[in-house]
Structures are given as structure tokens and as C-alpha cells.
Amino acid sequence: MKQFRCGDVVLGCEWVTRSADEQELLEEIQSHAREAHGMDEVPPEVEDQIHKVITEV
């Protein structure tokens, strides 16, 4: 199971998601970025940060 804590990239955001499937996890992250942070697209440098903080749980 993989986990992503948005607060590891966007300070103050408490949103957390988990999924056994990394592609599904990334889709959930993109949806959250759009809805909560107004990001139509996740820039490559932010995507790199996201990948660095995804953990196994």
C-alpha cells in the first residue's frame, strides 16, 4: 500500500490518500490538486516532489 500526504508538498494541507495501485494514487493526487489547490495541471517539478514523498505503509 502506498501513501501520499499532501502536506509533505503543500505546507498546511492535511489531505492524505492511500492506494495499492500507484497509478490510481497519482490520479487521486491530480484530482486533489485540481479541486483543492486550483492546479489544472501538476507541473513536472511538483510531480518530482510528489514521487519523492510517496511512502509504503
PDB file of N, CA and C in Angstrom:
ATOM      1  N   MET A   1       0.846  -1.177   0.000  1.00  0.00           N
ATOM      2  CA  MET A   1       0.000   0.000   0.000  1.00  0.00           C
ATOM      3  C   MET A   1       0.892   1.241   0.000  1.00  0.00           C
ATOM      4  N   LYS A   2       0.590   2.175  -0.879  1.00  0.00           N
ATOM      5  CA  LYS A   2       1.347   3.423  -0.964  1.00  0.00           C
ATOM      6  C   LYS A   2       0.521   4.559  -0.385  1.00  0.00           C
ATOM      7  N   GLN A   3       1.214   5.539   0.183  1.00  0.00           N
ATOM      8  CA  GLN A   3       0.537   6.665   0.821  1.00  0.00           C
ATOM      9  C   GLN A   3       1.172   7.977   0.391  1.00  0.00           C
ATOM     10  N   PHE A   4       0.323   8.996   0.240  1.00  0.00           N
ATOM     11  CA  PHE A   4       0.795  10.344  -0.056  1.00  0.00           C
ATOM     12  C   PHE A   4       0.119  11.313   0.896  1.00  0.00           C
ATOM     13  N   ARG A   5       0.923  12.151   1.530  1.00  0.00           N
ATOM     14  CA  ARG A   5       0.436  13.226   2.406  1.00  0.00           C
ATOM     15  C   ARG A   5       0.701  14.537   1.688  1.00  0.00           C
ATOM     16  N   CYS A   6      -0.355  15.230   1.313  1.00  0.00           N
ATOM     17  CA  CYS A   6      -0.205  16.471   0.563  1.00  0.00           C
ATOM     18  C   CYS A   6       0.627  17.496   1.337  1.00  0.00           C
ATOM     19  N   GLY A   7       0.516  17.499   2.649  1.00  0.00           N
ATOM     20  CA  GLY A   7       1.268  18.432   3.470  1.00  0.00           C
ATOM     21  C   GLY A   7       2.775  18.286   3.340  1.00  0.00           C
ATOM     22  N   ASP A   8       3.247  17.144   2.792  1.00  0.00           N
ATOM     23  CA  ASP A   8       4.676  16.975   2.547  1.00  0.00           C
ATOM     24  C   ASP A   8       5.138  17.828   1.365  1.00  0.00           C
ATOM     25  N   VAL A   9       4.178  18.293   0.546  1.00  0.00           N
ATOM     26  CA  VAL A   9       4.487  19.130  -0.619  1.00  0.00           C
ATOM     27  C   VAL A   9       3.889  20.524  -0.457  1.00  0.00           C
ATOM     28  N   VAL A  10       2.647  20.579   0.038  1.00  0.00           N
ATOM     29  CA  VAL A  10       1.947  21.859   0.238  1.00  0.00           C
ATOM     30  C   VAL A  10       1.754  22.048   1.737  1.00  0.00           C
ATOM     31  N   LEU A  11       2.573  22.902   2.319  1.00  0.00           N
ATOM     32  CA  LEU A  11       2.521  23.113   3.765  1.00  0.00           C
ATOM     33  C   LEU A  11       1.126  23.507   4.217  1.00  0.00           C
ATOM     34  N   GLY A  12       0.659  22.854   5.284  1.00  0.00           N
ATOM     35  CA  GLY A  12      -0.638  23.167   5.862  1.00  0.00           C
ATOM     36  C   GLY A  12      -1.786  22.319   5.342  1.00  0.00           C
ATOM     37  N   CYS A  13      -1.586  21.607   4.241  1.00  0.00           N
ATOM     38  CA  CYS A  13      -2.653  20.756   3.706  1.00  0.00           C
ATOM     39  C   CYS A  13      -2.613  19.415   4.440  1.00  0.00           C
ATOM     40  N   GLU A  14      -3.754  18.988   4.943  1.00  0.00           N
ATOM     41  CA  GLU A  14      -3.807  17.758   5.734  1.00  0.00           C
ATOM     42  C   GLU A  14      -4.361  16.561   4.972  1.00  0.00           C
ATOM     43  N   TRP A  15      -4.595  16.702   3.669  1.00  0.00           N
ATOM     44  CA  TRP A  15      -5.164  15.633   2.853  1.00  0.00           C
ATOM     45  C   TRP A  15      -4.180  14.476   2.723  1.00  0.00           C
ATOM     46  N   VAL A  16      -4.694  13.265   2.869  1.00  0.00           N
ATOM     47  CA  VAL A  16      -3.880  12.046   2.763  1.00  0.00           C
ATOM     48  C   VAL A  16      -4.644  11.041   1.913  1.00  0.00           C
ATOM     49  N   THR A  17      -3.934  10.317   1.064  1.00  0.00           N
ATOM     50  CA  THR A  17      -4.565   9.257   0.280  1.00  0.00           C
ATOM     51  C   THR A  17      -3.679   8.022   0.298  1.00  0.00           C
ATOM     52  N   ARG A  18      -4.310   6.863   0.139  1.00  0.00           N
ATOM     53  CA  ARG A  18      -3.591   5.583   0.096  1.00  0.00           C
ATOM     54  C   ARG A  18      -4.177   4.733  -1.021  1.00  0.00           C
ATOM     55  N   SER A  19      -3.328   3.953  -1.636  1.00  0.00           N
ATOM     56  CA  SER A  19      -3.788   3.030  -2.666  1.00  0.00           C
ATOM     57  C   SER A  19      -2.734   1.952  -2.876  1.00  0.00           C
ATOM     58  N   ALA A  20      -3.189   0.769  -3.239  1.00  0.00           N
ATOM     59  CA  ALA A  20      -2.271  -0.316  -3.571  1.00  0.00           C
ATOM     60  C   ALA A  20      -1.712  -0.112  -4.976  1.00  0.00           C
ATOM     61  N   ASP A  21      -2.430   0.657  -5.805  1.00  0.00           N
ATOM     62  CA  ASP A  21      -2.056   0.898  -7.190  1.00  0.00           C
ATOM     63  C   ASP A  21      -1.483   2.314  -7.333  1.00  0.00           C
ATOM     64  N   GLU A  22      -0.218   2.424  -7.751  1.00  0.00           N
ATOM     65  CA  GLU A  22       0.433   3.740  -7.817  1.00  0.00           C
ATOM     66  C   GLU A  22      -0.239   4.653  -8.843  1.00  0.00           C
ATOM     67  N   GLN A  23      -0.701   4.098  -9.967  1.00  0.00           N
ATOM     68  CA  GLN A  23      -1.368   4.928 -10.980  1.00  0.00           C
ATOM     69  C   GLN A  23      -2.655   5.516 -10.409  1.00  0.00           C
ATOM     70  N   GLU A  24      -3.402   4.713  -9.676  1.00  0.00           N
ATOM     71  CA  GLU A  24      -4.628   5.190  -9.029  1.00  0.00           C
ATOM     72  C   GLU A  24      -4.294   6.285  -8.010  1.00  0.00           C
ATOM     73  N   LEU A  25      -3.235   6.082  -7.264  1.00  0.00           N
ATOM     74  CA  LEU A  25      -2.787   7.070  -6.290  1.00  0.00           C
ATOM     75  C   LEU A  25      -2.486   8.399  -6.981  1.00  0.00           C
ATOM     76  N   LEU A  26      -1.765   8.352  -8.096  1.00  0.00           N
ATOM     77  CA  LEU A  26      -1.414   9.566  -8.829  1.00  0.00           C
ATOM     78  C   LEU A  26      -2.657  10.262  -9.384  1.00  0.00           C
ATOM     79  N   GLU A  27      -3.639   9.490  -9.820  1.00  0.00           N
ATOM     80  CA  GLU A  27      -4.891  10.077 -10.317  1.00  0.00           C
ATOM     81  C   GLU A  27      -5.625  10.793  -9.187  1.00  0.00           C
ATOM     82  N   GLU A  28      -5.634  10.207  -8.006  1.00  0.00           N
ATOM     83  CA  GLU A  28      -6.269  10.842  -6.852  1.00  0.00           C
ATOM     84  C   GLU A  28      -5.534  12.129  -6.479  1.00  0.00           C
ATOM     85  N   ILE A  29      -4.210  12.099  -6.551  1.00  0.00           N
ATOM     86  CA  ILE A  29      -3.407  13.289  -6.245  1.00  0.00           C
ATOM     87  C   ILE A  29      -3.714  14.399  -7.244  1.00  0.00           C
ATOM     88  N   GLN A  30      -3.788  14.066  -8.525  1.00  0.00           N
ATOM     89  CA  GLN A  30      -4.092  15.063  -9.551  1.00  0.00           C
ATOM     90  C   GLN A  30      -5.481  15.664  -9.334  1.00  0.00           C
ATOM     91  N   SER A  31      -6.441  14.832  -8.999  1.00  0.00           N
ATOM     92  CA  SER A  31      -7.789  15.313  -8.725  1.00  0.00           C
ATOM     93  C   SER A  31      -7.799  16.254  -7.526  1.00  0.00           C
ATOM     94  N   HIS A  32      -7.086  15.889  -6.472  1.00  0.00           N
ATOM     95  CA  HIS A  32      -6.995  16.734  -5.275  1.00  0.00           C
ATOM     96  C   HIS A  32      -6.312  18.060  -5.605  1.00  0.00           C
ATOM     97  N   ALA A  33      -5.236  18.016  -6.379  1.00  0.00           N
ATOM     98  CA  ALA A  33      -4.507  19.238  -6.746  1.00  0.00           C
ATOM     99  C   ALA A  33      -5.426  20.187  -7.505  1.00  0.00           C
ATOM    100  N   ARG A  34      -6.257  19.651  -8.372  1.00  0.00           N
ATOM    101  CA  ARG A  34      -7.184  20.458  -9.156  1.00  0.00           C
ATOM    102  C   ARG A  34      -8.267  21.067  -8.264  1.00  0.00           C
ATOM    103  N   GLU A  35      -8.889  20.227  -7.443  1.00  0.00           N
ATOM    104  CA  GLU A  35     -10.034  20.675  -6.643  1.00  0.00           C
ATOM    105  C   GLU A  35      -9.634  21.539  -5.448  1.00  0.00           C
ATOM    106  N   ALA A  36      -8.580  21.156  -4.748  1.00  0.00           N
ATOM    107  CA  ALA A  36      -8.214  21.850  -3.509  1.00  0.00           C
ATOM    108  C   ALA A  36      -7.227  22.994  -3.728  1.00  0.00           C
ATOM    109  N   HIS A  37      -6.395  22.863  -4.776  1.00  0.00           N
ATOM    110  CA  HIS A  37      -5.314  23.835  -4.946  1.00  0.00           C
ATOM    111  C   HIS A  37      -5.395  24.597  -6.270  1.00  0.00           C
ATOM    112  N   GLY A  38      -6.455  24.346  -7.058  1.00  0.00           N
ATOM    113  CA  GLY A  38      -6.674  25.086  -8.295  1.00  0.00           C
ATOM    114  C   GLY A  38      -5.629  24.843  -9.371  1.00  0.00           C
ATOM    115  N   MET A  39      -5.008  23.679  -9.338  1.00  0.00           N
ATOM    116  CA  MET A  39      -3.968  23.361 -10.331  1.00  0.00           C
ATOM    117  C   MET A  39      -4.585  22.552 -11.467  1.00  0.00           C
ATOM    118  N   ASP A  40      -4.691  23.166 -12.650  1.00  0.00           N
ATOM    119  CA  ASP A  40      -5.225  22.434 -13.806  1.00  0.00           C
ATOM    120  C   ASP A  40      -4.300  21.289 -14.195  1.00  0.00           C
ATOM    121  N   GLU A  41      -3.001  21.544 -14.087  1.00  0.00           N
ATOM    122  CA  GLU A  41      -2.000  20.516 -14.341  1.00  0.00           C
ATOM    123  C   GLU A  41      -0.969  20.561 -13.230  1.00  0.00           C
ATOM    124  N   VAL A  42      -0.414  19.413 -12.913  1.00  0.00           N
ATOM    125  CA  VAL A  42       0.646  19.353 -11.911  1.00  0.00           C
ATOM    126  C   VAL A  42       1.969  19.549 -12.658  1.00  0.00           C
ATOM    127  N   PRO A  43       2.683  20.644 -12.364  1.00  0.00           N
ATOM    128  CA  PRO A  43       3.959  20.891 -13.052  1.00  0.00           C
ATOM    129  C   PRO A  43       4.971  19.779 -12.772  1.00  0.00           C
ATOM    130  N   PRO A  44       5.878  19.540 -13.728  1.00  0.00           N
ATOM    131  CA  PRO A  44       6.864  18.454 -13.560  1.00  0.00           C
ATOM    132  C   PRO A  44       7.674  18.554 -12.266  1.00  0.00           C
ATOM    133  N   GLU A  45       8.040  19.763 -11.844  1.00  0.00           N
ATOM    134  CA  GLU A  45       8.835  19.886 -10.619  1.00  0.00           C
ATOM    135  C   GLU A  45       8.022  19.491  -9.384  1.00  0.00           C
ATOM    136  N   VAL A  46       6.712  19.744  -9.406  1.00  0.00           N
ATOM    137  CA  VAL A  46       5.845  19.333  -8.293  1.00  0.00           C
ATOM    138  C   VAL A  46       5.648  17.820  -8.349  1.00  0.00           C
ATOM    139  N   GLU A  47       5.510  17.289  -9.557  1.00  0.00           N
ATOM    140  CA  GLU A  47       5.373  15.841  -9.720  1.00  0.00           C
ATOM    141  C   GLU A  47       6.600  15.122  -9.157  1.00  0.00           C
ATOM    142  N   ASP A  48       7.782  15.690  -9.387  1.00  0.00           N
ATOM    143  CA  ASP A  48       9.012  15.113  -8.834  1.00  0.00           C
ATOM    144  C   ASP A  48       8.962  15.108  -7.306  1.00  0.00           C
ATOM    145  N   GLN A  49       8.495  16.209  -6.715  1.00  0.00           N
ATOM    146  CA  GLN A  49       8.377  16.283  -5.250  1.00  0.00           C
ATOM    147  C   GLN A  49       7.391  15.236  -4.743  1.00  0.00           C
ATOM    148  N   ILE A  50       6.280  15.082  -5.456  1.00  0.00           N
ATOM    149  CA  ILE A  50       5.268  14.088  -5.069  1.00  0.00           C
ATOM    150  C   ILE A  50       5.868  12.685  -5.021  1.00  0.00           C
ATOM    151  N   HIS A  51       6.579  12.314  -6.085  1.00  0.00           N
ATOM    152  CA  HIS A  51       7.177  10.973  -6.148  1.00  0.00           C
ATOM    153  C   HIS A  51       8.162  10.739  -5.017  1.00  0.00           C
ATOM    154  N   LYS A  52       8.854  11.775  -4.592  1.00  0.00           N
ATOM    155  CA  LYS A  52       9.848  11.645  -3.531  1.00  0.00           C
ATOM    156  C   LYS A  52       9.223  11.387  -2.155  1.00  0.00           C
ATOM    157  N   VAL A  53       7.967  11.808  -1.965  1.00  0.00           N
ATOM    158  CA  VAL A  53       7.368  11.684  -0.624  1.00  0.00           C
ATOM    159  C   VAL A  53       6.286  10.585  -0.549  1.00  0.00           C
ATOM    160  N   ILE A  54       6.070   9.853  -1.628  1.00  0.00           N
ATOM    161  CA  ILE A  54       5.156   8.707  -1.570  1.00  0.00           C
ATOM    162  C   ILE A  54       5.863   7.614  -0.757  1.00  0.00           C
ATOM    163  N   THR A  55       5.143   7.090   0.226  1.00  0.00           N
ATOM    164  CA  THR A  55       5.737   6.080   1.115  1.00  0.00           C
ATOM    165  C   THR A  55       4.946   4.781   1.076  1.00  0.00           C
ATOM    166  N   GLU A  56       5.593   3.716   1.499  1.00  0.00           N
ATOM    167  CA  GLU A  56       4.934   2.423   1.689  1.00  0.00           C
ATOM    168  C   GLU A  56       4.359   2.383   3.104  1.00  0.00           C
ATOM    169  N   VAL A  57       3.124   1.929   3.216  1.00  0.00           N
ATOM    170  CA  VAL A  57       2.502   1.794   4.542  1.00  0.00           C
ATOM    171  C   VAL A  57       1.912   0.413   4.709  1.00  0.00           C
TER     172      VAL A  57
END
